[in-house]
Amino acid sequence: MKTSELRNLSKEELFAKLASIKEELSKLQYMKLAGHLDKPHQFKILRKSVARINTLLNEQHLSKKE
């Protein structure tokens, strides 16, 4: 998901999206261990999505402190 799309989401929606992505990452890890991983590039994509969401959550947190 693009950052511009994520900026339009509320804090609760971002947390839900983050949980969903982390669950998907754990499923990919299990598939990797089982030897049935078809798209290994998904790890990189999902990790970057997690970083984007965490960055946006941090920005929101810091902007409310000021």
N, C-alpha and C. Protein backbone atom coordinates (compact mmCIF):
# COMPACT_ATOMS: atom_id res chain seq x y z
N MET A 1 0.83 -1.17 0.00
CA MET A 1 0.00 0.00 0.00
C MET A 1 0.88 1.25 0.00
N LYS A 2 0.47 2.26 -0.73
CA LYS A 2 1.25 3.47 -0.81
C LYS A 2 1.06 4.32 0.44
N THR A 3 2.07 5.13 0.73
CA THR A 3 2.03 5.98 1.91
C THR A 3 0.88 6.97 1.82
N SER A 4 0.63 7.50 0.64
CA SER A 4 -0.46 8.47 0.49
C SER A 4 -1.81 7.84 0.82
N GLU A 5 -1.98 6.57 0.51
CA GLU A 5 -3.22 5.87 0.86
C GLU A 5 -3.30 5.63 2.36
N LEU A 6 -2.17 5.33 2.97
CA LEU A 6 -2.13 5.06 4.41
C LEU A 6 -2.39 6.32 5.23
N ARG A 7 -1.99 7.48 4.72
CA ARG A 7 -2.19 8.73 5.45
C ARG A 7 -3.66 9.06 5.65
N ASN A 8 -4.52 8.53 4.77
CA ASN A 8 -5.95 8.80 4.87
C ASN A 8 -6.65 7.92 5.90
N LEU A 9 -5.94 6.94 6.46
CA LEU A 9 -6.54 6.02 7.43
C LEU A 9 -6.43 6.58 8.84
N SER A 10 -7.37 6.19 9.68
CA SER A 10 -7.32 6.61 11.08
C SER A 10 -6.31 5.76 11.84
N LYS A 11 -6.05 6.15 13.08
CA LYS A 11 -5.09 5.43 13.90
C LYS A 11 -5.53 3.98 14.13
N GLU A 12 -6.82 3.78 14.38
CA GLU A 12 -7.35 2.43 14.61
C GLU A 12 -7.22 1.58 13.35
N GLU A 13 -7.48 2.18 12.20
CA GLU A 13 -7.37 1.45 10.94
C GLU A 13 -5.92 1.07 10.66
N LEU A 14 -5.00 1.97 11.02
CA LEU A 14 -3.57 1.67 10.83
C LEU A 14 -3.14 0.50 11.71
N PHE A 15 -3.62 0.49 12.96
CA PHE A 15 -3.29 -0.63 13.85
C PHE A 15 -3.87 -1.94 13.33
N ALA A 16 -5.07 -1.89 12.79
CA ALA A 16 -5.69 -3.10 12.22
C ALA A 16 -4.90 -3.58 11.00
N LYS A 17 -4.49 -2.65 10.16
CA LYS A 17 -3.71 -2.99 8.97
C LYS A 17 -2.37 -3.59 9.38
N LEU A 18 -1.76 -3.02 10.41
CA LEU A 18 -0.48 -3.51 10.91
C LEU A 18 -0.61 -4.94 11.42
N ALA A 19 -1.66 -5.22 12.16
CA ALA A 19 -1.88 -6.57 12.67
C ALA A 19 -2.10 -7.56 11.53
N SER A 20 -2.83 -7.12 10.52
CA SER A 20 -3.08 -7.98 9.36
C SER A 20 -1.79 -8.32 8.62
N ILE A 21 -0.95 -7.32 8.43
CA ILE A 21 0.31 -7.53 7.72
C ILE A 21 1.23 -8.44 8.52
N LYS A 22 1.27 -8.24 9.83
CA LYS A 22 2.12 -9.09 10.67
C LYS A 22 1.64 -10.54 10.65
N GLU A 23 0.34 -10.73 10.61
CA GLU A 23 -0.21 -12.09 10.51
C GLU A 23 0.19 -12.72 9.17
N GLU A 24 0.13 -11.93 8.12
CA GLU A 24 0.52 -12.44 6.80
C GLU A 24 2.00 -12.79 6.77
N LEU A 25 2.82 -11.99 7.43
CA LEU A 25 4.26 -12.28 7.53
C LEU A 25 4.51 -13.60 8.24
N SER A 26 3.76 -13.84 9.31
CA SER A 26 3.95 -15.10 10.04
C SER A 26 3.52 -16.29 9.19
N LYS A 27 2.47 -16.13 8.40
CA LYS A 27 2.05 -17.20 7.50
C LYS A 27 3.11 -17.48 6.44
N LEU A 28 3.72 -16.41 5.92
CA LEU A 28 4.78 -16.58 4.92
C LEU A 28 5.97 -17.31 5.54
N GLN A 29 6.29 -16.96 6.78
CA GLN A 29 7.42 -17.61 7.46
C GLN A 29 7.14 -19.10 7.63
N TYR A 30 5.92 -19.44 7.99
CA TYR A 30 5.55 -20.85 8.13
C TYR A 30 5.66 -21.57 6.78
N MET A 31 5.18 -20.92 5.71
CA MET A 31 5.26 -21.53 4.38
C MET A 31 6.71 -21.71 3.95
N LYS A 32 7.57 -20.76 4.34
CA LYS A 32 8.99 -20.87 4.01
C LYS A 32 9.61 -22.08 4.70
N LEU A 33 9.26 -22.26 5.97
CA LEU A 33 9.79 -23.40 6.72
C LEU A 33 9.27 -24.72 6.16
N ALA A 34 8.04 -24.71 5.66
CA ALA A 34 7.44 -25.92 5.11
C ALA A 34 7.94 -26.20 3.69
N GLY A 35 8.58 -25.19 3.08
CA GLY A 35 9.11 -25.38 1.73
C GLY A 35 8.10 -25.14 0.63
N HIS A 36 7.03 -24.41 0.93
CA HIS A 36 5.99 -24.17 -0.06
C HIS A 36 5.86 -22.70 -0.42
N LEU A 37 6.93 -21.95 -0.33
CA LEU A 37 6.88 -20.52 -0.57
C LEU A 37 7.01 -20.25 -2.07
N ASP A 38 5.99 -19.61 -2.64
CA ASP A 38 5.99 -19.32 -4.07
C ASP A 38 6.55 -17.93 -4.37
N LYS A 39 6.34 -16.99 -3.49
CA LYS A 39 6.73 -15.60 -3.73
C LYS A 39 7.63 -15.09 -2.61
N PRO A 40 8.92 -15.38 -2.67
CA PRO A 40 9.81 -14.94 -1.59
C PRO A 40 9.97 -13.42 -1.52
N HIS A 41 9.67 -12.71 -2.59
CA HIS A 41 9.79 -11.25 -2.58
C HIS A 41 8.72 -10.59 -1.71
N GLN A 42 7.69 -11.34 -1.32
CA GLN A 42 6.63 -10.80 -0.48
C GLN A 42 7.17 -10.39 0.89
N PHE A 43 8.22 -11.05 1.39
CA PHE A 43 8.81 -10.68 2.67
C PHE A 43 9.24 -9.22 2.67
N LYS A 44 9.96 -8.84 1.64
CA LYS A 44 10.46 -7.47 1.53
C LYS A 44 9.32 -6.47 1.45
N ILE A 45 8.32 -6.78 0.65
CA ILE A 45 7.18 -5.89 0.48
C ILE A 45 6.43 -5.70 1.80
N LEU A 46 6.19 -6.79 2.51
CA LEU A 46 5.45 -6.71 3.77
C LEU A 46 6.25 -6.01 4.87
N ARG A 47 7.55 -6.26 4.92
CA ARG A 47 8.39 -5.59 5.92
C ARG A 47 8.40 -4.08 5.69
N LYS A 48 8.44 -3.67 4.43
CA LYS A 48 8.41 -2.24 4.12
C LYS A 48 7.06 -1.64 4.48
N SER A 49 5.99 -2.40 4.30
CA SER A 49 4.67 -1.91 4.67
C SER A 49 4.57 -1.71 6.18
N VAL A 50 5.13 -2.63 6.94
CA VAL A 50 5.16 -2.50 8.40
C VAL A 50 5.93 -1.24 8.78
N ALA A 51 7.05 -1.00 8.15
CA ALA A 51 7.87 0.18 8.45
C ALA A 51 7.11 1.46 8.11
N ARG A 52 6.40 1.47 6.99
CA ARG A 52 5.62 2.65 6.60
C ARG A 52 4.54 2.96 7.65
N ILE A 53 3.83 1.93 8.06
CA ILE A 53 2.75 2.13 9.03
C ILE A 53 3.32 2.59 10.37
N ASN A 54 4.41 1.99 10.80
CA ASN A 54 5.03 2.42 12.06
C ASN A 54 5.50 3.86 11.98
N THR A 55 6.02 4.27 10.84
CA THR A 55 6.46 5.65 10.65
C THR A 55 5.28 6.61 10.75
N LEU A 56 4.19 6.27 10.10
CA LEU A 56 3.00 7.12 10.15
C LEU A 56 2.43 7.22 11.56
N LEU A 57 2.41 6.09 12.27
CA LEU A 57 1.92 6.10 13.65
C LEU A 57 2.82 6.97 14.53
N ASN A 58 4.11 6.90 14.30
CA ASN A 58 5.05 7.72 15.07
C ASN A 58 4.86 9.20 14.73
N GLU A 59 4.66 9.52 13.47
CA GLU A 59 4.41 10.90 13.08
C GLU A 59 3.15 11.44 13.76
N GLN A 60 2.09 10.63 13.78
CA GLN A 60 0.84 11.05 14.42
C GLN A 60 1.06 11.27 15.92
N HIS A 61 1.80 10.38 16.52
CA HIS A 61 2.07 10.48 17.96
C HIS A 61 2.86 11.75 18.27
N LEU A 62 3.88 12.03 17.47
CA LEU A 62 4.72 13.20 17.71
C LEU A 62 3.97 14.50 17.43
N SER A 63 3.08 14.50 16.45
CA SER A 63 2.34 15.72 16.14
C SER A 63 1.33 16.06 17.24
N LYS A 64 0.83 15.06 17.95
CA LYS A 64 -0.12 15.32 19.03
C LYS A 64 0.58 15.80 20.29
N LYS A 65 1.88 15.49 20.41
CA LYS A 65 2.64 15.93 21.58
C LYS A 65 2.90 17.44 21.53
N GLU A 66 3.04 17.96 20.33
CA GLU A 66 3.40 19.38 20.17
C GLU A 66 2.28 20.29 20.40
